[in-house]
C-alpha atoms as a PDB file:
ATOM      1  CA  MET A   1      46.412  -3.441 -20.668  1.00  0.00           C
ATOM      2  CA  ALA A   2      44.082  -5.513 -18.499  1.00  0.00           C
ATOM      3  CA  ASN A   3      46.429  -5.118 -15.553  1.00  0.00           C
ATOM      4  CA  GLU A   4      46.455  -1.333 -15.702  1.00  0.00           C
ATOM      5  CA  PRO A   5      45.387   0.305 -12.435  1.00  0.00           C
ATOM      6  CA  GLU A   6      42.491   2.059 -14.167  1.00  0.00           C
ATOM      7  CA  SER A   7      40.990  -1.271 -15.224  1.00  0.00           C
ATOM      8  CA  MET A   8      41.215  -2.583 -11.671  1.00  0.00           C
ATOM      9  CA  ILE A   9      39.378   0.283  -9.983  1.00  0.00           C
ATOM     10  CA  LEU A  10      35.793  -0.657 -10.866  1.00  0.00           C
ATOM     11  CA  PRO A  11      36.136  -4.347  -9.948  1.00  0.00           C
ATOM     12  CA  LEU A  12      37.744  -3.362  -6.640  1.00  0.00           C
ATOM     13  CA  LEU A  13      34.972  -0.879  -5.920  1.00  0.00           C
ATOM     14  CA  ARG A  14      32.335  -3.521  -6.703  1.00  0.00           C
ATOM     15  CA  GLU A  15      34.044  -5.966  -4.374  1.00  0.00           C
ATOM     16  CA  MET A  16      34.254  -3.361  -1.613  1.00  0.00           C
ATOM     17  CA  ARG A  17      30.584  -2.484  -2.094  1.00  0.00           C
ATOM     18  CA  GLY A  18      29.621  -6.146  -1.750  1.00  0.00           C
ATOM     19  CA  GLU A  19      31.664  -6.530   1.423  1.00  0.00           C
ATOM     20  CA  ILE A  20      30.162  -3.382   2.928  1.00  0.00           C
ATOM     21  CA  ARG A  21      26.653  -4.560   2.042  1.00  0.00           C
ATOM     22  CA  GLU A  22      27.317  -7.919   3.721  1.00  0.00           C
ATOM     23  CA  GLN A  23      28.716  -6.292   6.863  1.00  0.00           C
ATOM     24  CA  PHE A  24      25.783  -3.883   7.007  1.00  0.00           C
ATOM     25  CA  GLY A  25      23.433  -6.859   6.931  1.00  0.00           C
ATOM     26  CA  GLN A  26      25.265  -8.419   9.868  1.00  0.00           C
ATOM     27  CA  VAL A  27      25.171  -5.165  11.844  1.00  0.00           C
ATOM     28  CA  HIS A  28      21.478  -4.767  11.060  1.00  0.00           C
ATOM     29  CA  GLU A  29      20.791  -8.289  12.341  1.00  0.00           C
ATOM     30  CA  ARG A  30      22.690  -7.656  15.568  1.00  0.00           C
ATOM     31  CA  LEU A  31      20.865  -4.367  16.117  1.00  0.00           C
ATOM     32  CA  GLU A  32      17.516  -6.094  15.680  1.00  0.00           C
ATOM     33  CA  ASN A  33      18.539  -8.662  18.305  1.00  0.00           C
ATOM     34  CA  VAL A  34      19.535  -5.908  20.727  1.00  0.00           C
ATOM     35  CA  GLU A  35      16.237  -4.105  20.146  1.00  0.00           C
ATOM     36  CA  LYS A  36      14.301  -7.318  20.835  1.00  0.00           C
ATOM     37  CA  ARG A  37      16.208  -7.823  24.078  1.00  0.00           C
ATOM     38  CA  LEU A  38      15.524  -4.228  25.124  1.00  0.00           C
ATOM     39  CA  ASP A  39      11.829  -4.671  24.357  1.00  0.00           C
ATOM     40  CA  LYS A  40      11.765  -7.753  26.601  1.00  0.00           C
ATOM     41  CA  LEU A  41      13.478  -5.847  29.401  1.00  0.00           C
ATOM     42  CA  GLU A  42      11.078  -2.930  29.073  1.00  0.00           C
ATOM     43  CA  SER A  43       8.028  -5.189  29.094  1.00  0.00           C
ATOM     44  CA  GLY A  44       9.417  -6.943  32.170  1.00  0.00           C
ATOM     45  CA  GLN A  45       9.806  -3.621  33.945  1.00  0.00           C
ATOM     46  CA  LYS A  46       6.226  -2.663  33.121  1.00  0.00           C
ATOM     47  CA  THR A  47       4.885  -5.855  34.683  1.00  0.00           C
ATOM     48  CA  ILE A  48       6.879  -5.239  37.866  1.00  0.00           C
ATOM     49  CA  ARG A  49       5.492  -1.711  38.299  1.00  0.00           C
END
């Protein structure tokens, strides 16, 4: 009975949730890096003007 599809759903959902959470963290990190780079560009433009 442990191999019934119903008993596999919750563990699979937990695994998927963990993977999504990890990927979200990576995307969040990359977005922060992009925002920092944009801030540097904007501050550079302000000093030129």
